[in-house]
Amino acid sequence: MMNDNVNHPQHYCQGGIECIDALKAATVWLTGIEAVCTANAIKYLWRWKHKNGVEDIDKAIWYLERLRREVQEDG
């Protein structure tokens, strides 16, 4: 099967689960910047081993730190 980088990229399908479906479930009760940061952190952790390595781990950390700041500011 040929890799379809637009509709079904291999680095977003792990263990038979599409990343987009996991993100939907993980952010169902979140909105705004909380949903964005959570989804992006998960996305980068999901694909790090199959795409950009440590760079994706660093991106996930960036989004987690941003999420922490947002939550702390909101009290």
N, C-alpha and C. Protein backbone atom coordinates (compact mmCIF):
# COMPACT_ATOMS: atom_id res chain seq x y z
N MET A 1 0.84 -1.18 0.00
CA MET A 1 0.00 0.00 0.00
C MET A 1 0.88 1.25 0.00
N MET A 2 0.61 2.16 -0.88
CA MET A 2 1.39 3.38 -1.00
C MET A 2 1.00 4.36 0.10
N ASN A 3 2.00 5.06 0.65
CA ASN A 3 1.74 6.04 1.69
C ASN A 3 1.04 7.26 1.08
N ASP A 4 -0.04 7.70 1.69
CA ASP A 4 -0.78 8.88 1.27
C ASP A 4 -0.55 9.96 2.33
N ASN A 5 0.40 10.85 2.08
CA ASN A 5 0.78 11.86 3.06
C ASN A 5 -0.28 12.92 3.32
N VAL A 6 -1.33 12.95 2.54
CA VAL A 6 -2.41 13.91 2.77
C VAL A 6 -3.55 13.27 3.55
N ASN A 7 -4.05 12.14 3.09
CA ASN A 7 -5.24 11.53 3.67
C ASN A 7 -4.98 10.46 4.72
N HIS A 8 -3.82 9.85 4.67
CA HIS A 8 -3.56 8.73 5.58
C HIS A 8 -2.04 8.55 5.78
N PRO A 9 -1.37 9.58 6.35
CA PRO A 9 0.08 9.45 6.52
C PRO A 9 0.42 8.36 7.54
N GLN A 10 1.41 7.57 7.20
CA GLN A 10 1.78 6.45 8.06
C GLN A 10 2.20 6.90 9.45
N HIS A 11 2.84 8.05 9.57
CA HIS A 11 3.31 8.51 10.88
C HIS A 11 2.16 8.98 11.78
N TYR A 12 0.94 9.02 11.27
CA TYR A 12 -0.22 9.37 12.09
C TYR A 12 -1.15 8.18 12.33
N CYS A 13 -0.70 6.99 12.03
CA CYS A 13 -1.50 5.79 12.31
C CYS A 13 -0.62 4.80 13.07
N GLN A 14 -0.85 4.73 14.36
CA GLN A 14 -0.07 3.84 15.22
C GLN A 14 -1.01 2.87 15.92
N GLY A 15 -0.67 1.61 15.87
CA GLY A 15 -1.49 0.63 16.56
C GLY A 15 -2.90 0.53 16.04
N GLY A 16 -3.10 0.88 14.76
CA GLY A 16 -4.42 0.81 14.17
C GLY A 16 -5.33 1.96 14.53
N ILE A 17 -4.79 2.99 15.18
CA ILE A 17 -5.58 4.16 15.58
C ILE A 17 -5.05 5.37 14.84
N GLU A 18 -5.93 6.12 14.23
CA GLU A 18 -5.55 7.37 13.58
C GLU A 18 -5.38 8.45 14.65
N CYS A 19 -4.33 9.21 14.54
CA CYS A 19 -4.05 10.28 15.49
C CYS A 19 -5.24 11.24 15.61
N ILE A 20 -5.85 11.60 14.50
CA ILE A 20 -6.96 12.55 14.52
C ILE A 20 -8.11 12.05 15.40
N ASP A 21 -8.34 10.74 15.41
CA ASP A 21 -9.40 10.17 16.25
C ASP A 21 -9.02 10.24 17.73
N ALA A 22 -7.75 9.99 18.02
CA ALA A 22 -7.28 10.10 19.40
C ALA A 22 -7.35 11.55 19.88
N LEU A 23 -6.99 12.49 19.00
CA LEU A 23 -7.05 13.90 19.37
C LEU A 23 -8.48 14.34 19.65
N LYS A 24 -9.39 13.88 18.84
CA LYS A 24 -10.80 14.22 19.04
C LYS A 24 -11.28 13.74 20.41
N ALA A 25 -10.93 12.52 20.77
CA ALA A 25 -11.33 11.97 22.06
C ALA A 25 -10.64 12.70 23.22
N ALA A 26 -9.37 13.06 23.04
CA ALA A 26 -8.60 13.69 24.11
C ALA A 26 -9.02 15.14 24.37
N THR A 27 -9.65 15.78 23.41
CA THR A 27 -9.98 17.19 23.56
C THR A 27 -11.49 17.47 23.58
N VAL A 28 -12.27 16.44 23.70
CA VAL A 28 -13.73 16.59 23.61
C VAL A 28 -14.29 17.59 24.63
N TRP A 29 -13.69 17.70 25.79
CA TRP A 29 -14.20 18.61 26.82
C TRP A 29 -13.39 19.90 26.89
N LEU A 30 -12.48 20.11 25.97
CA LEU A 30 -11.63 21.30 25.97
C LEU A 30 -12.06 22.26 24.88
N THR A 31 -11.70 23.53 25.05
CA THR A 31 -11.98 24.54 24.04
C THR A 31 -10.78 25.46 23.91
N GLY A 32 -10.77 26.25 22.86
CA GLY A 32 -9.78 27.30 22.68
C GLY A 32 -8.34 26.81 22.77
N ILE A 33 -7.52 27.64 23.43
CA ILE A 33 -6.09 27.37 23.50
C ILE A 33 -5.79 26.08 24.25
N GLU A 34 -6.62 25.70 25.21
CA GLU A 34 -6.41 24.43 25.91
C GLU A 34 -6.52 23.26 24.95
N ALA A 35 -7.50 23.29 24.07
CA ALA A 35 -7.67 22.21 23.09
C ALA A 35 -6.52 22.21 22.09
N VAL A 36 -6.11 23.41 21.65
CA VAL A 36 -5.02 23.51 20.68
C VAL A 36 -3.72 22.96 21.25
N CYS A 37 -3.36 23.41 22.43
CA CYS A 37 -2.09 22.96 23.04
C CYS A 37 -2.10 21.47 23.35
N THR A 38 -3.21 20.97 23.88
CA THR A 38 -3.31 19.55 24.19
C THR A 38 -3.19 18.72 22.92
N ALA A 39 -3.93 19.09 21.90
CA ALA A 39 -3.91 18.33 20.65
C ALA A 39 -2.52 18.36 20.01
N ASN A 40 -1.88 19.52 19.98
CA ASN A 40 -0.57 19.60 19.35
C ASN A 40 0.48 18.81 20.13
N ALA A 41 0.44 18.87 21.45
CA ALA A 41 1.39 18.09 22.24
C ALA A 41 1.23 16.60 21.95
N ILE A 42 -0.01 16.13 21.93
CA ILE A 42 -0.26 14.71 21.63
C ILE A 42 0.21 14.38 20.22
N LYS A 43 -0.11 15.24 19.26
CA LYS A 43 0.28 15.00 17.87
C LYS A 43 1.79 14.82 17.74
N TYR A 44 2.56 15.72 18.35
CA TYR A 44 4.01 15.62 18.22
C TYR A 44 4.55 14.39 18.95
N LEU A 45 3.98 14.03 20.08
CA LEU A 45 4.41 12.81 20.77
C LEU A 45 4.02 11.57 19.98
N TRP A 46 2.89 11.63 19.32
CA TRP A 46 2.39 10.50 18.53
C TRP A 46 3.35 10.13 17.42
N ARG A 47 3.93 11.14 16.77
CA ARG A 47 4.70 10.89 15.55
C ARG A 47 6.21 10.98 15.70
N TRP A 48 6.72 11.37 16.87
CA TRP A 48 8.13 11.72 17.00
C TRP A 48 9.07 10.64 16.47
N LYS A 49 8.77 9.40 16.77
CA LYS A 49 9.67 8.30 16.38
C LYS A 49 9.68 8.07 14.88
N HIS A 50 8.61 8.46 14.19
CA HIS A 50 8.48 8.16 12.76
C HIS A 50 8.64 9.38 11.87
N LYS A 51 8.88 10.56 12.46
CA LYS A 51 8.99 11.74 11.61
C LYS A 51 10.22 12.57 11.95
N ASN A 52 10.17 13.39 12.98
CA ASN A 52 11.25 14.35 13.22
C ASN A 52 12.04 14.12 14.50
N GLY A 53 11.88 12.99 15.14
CA GLY A 53 12.68 12.66 16.31
C GLY A 53 12.59 13.68 17.43
N VAL A 54 13.75 14.04 17.96
CA VAL A 54 13.83 14.93 19.12
C VAL A 54 13.16 16.28 18.86
N GLU A 55 13.19 16.75 17.62
CA GLU A 55 12.52 18.02 17.30
C GLU A 55 11.04 17.95 17.64
N ASP A 56 10.38 16.84 17.35
CA ASP A 56 8.97 16.70 17.68
C ASP A 56 8.76 16.61 19.19
N ILE A 57 9.68 15.99 19.91
CA ILE A 57 9.60 15.95 21.38
C ILE A 57 9.71 17.37 21.92
N ASP A 58 10.64 18.16 21.38
CA ASP A 58 10.78 19.54 21.81
C ASP A 58 9.52 20.36 21.53
N LYS A 59 8.90 20.11 20.39
CA LYS A 59 7.65 20.82 20.07
C LYS A 59 6.54 20.44 21.04
N ALA A 60 6.46 19.16 21.40
CA ALA A 60 5.45 18.71 22.37
C ALA A 60 5.67 19.40 23.71
N ILE A 61 6.93 19.48 24.13
CA ILE A 61 7.25 20.15 25.39
C ILE A 61 6.85 21.62 25.32
N TRP A 62 7.09 22.28 24.20
CA TRP A 62 6.72 23.69 24.05
C TRP A 62 5.21 23.86 24.26
N TYR A 63 4.43 22.99 23.63
CA TYR A 63 2.97 23.09 23.77
C TYR A 63 2.52 22.77 25.19
N LEU A 64 3.17 21.83 25.85
CA LEU A 64 2.82 21.52 27.24
C LEU A 64 3.15 22.69 28.16
N GLU A 65 4.29 23.33 27.94
CA GLU A 65 4.64 24.50 28.75
C GLU A 65 3.67 25.65 28.50
N ARG A 66 3.27 25.84 27.26
CA ARG A 66 2.29 26.88 26.95
C ARG A 66 0.95 26.57 27.62
N LEU A 67 0.54 25.30 27.57
CA LEU A 67 -0.70 24.89 28.23
C LEU A 67 -0.61 25.16 29.73
N ARG A 68 0.50 24.83 30.34
CA ARG A 68 0.68 25.08 31.77
C ARG A 68 0.50 26.57 32.08
N ARG A 69 1.15 27.44 31.30
CA ARG A 69 1.02 28.88 31.52
C ARG A 69 -0.43 29.34 31.39
N GLU A 70 -1.10 28.86 30.37
CA GLU A 70 -2.50 29.24 30.16
C GLU A 70 -3.37 28.82 31.33
N VAL A 71 -3.19 27.61 31.81
CA VAL A 71 -4.01 27.10 32.92
C VAL A 71 -3.69 27.86 34.19
N GLN A 72 -2.40 28.12 34.43
CA GLN A 72 -2.02 28.87 35.64
C GLN A 72 -2.58 30.29 35.61
N GLU A 73 -2.56 30.93 34.45
CA GLU A 73 -3.09 32.29 34.33
C GLU A 73 -4.59 32.35 34.57
N ASP A 74 -5.28 31.27 34.17
CA ASP A 74 -6.74 31.22 34.35
C ASP A 74 -7.13 30.87 35.77
N GLY A 75 -6.15 30.39 36.55
CA GLY A 75 -6.39 30.08 37.97
C GLY A 75 -7.10 28.78 38.13
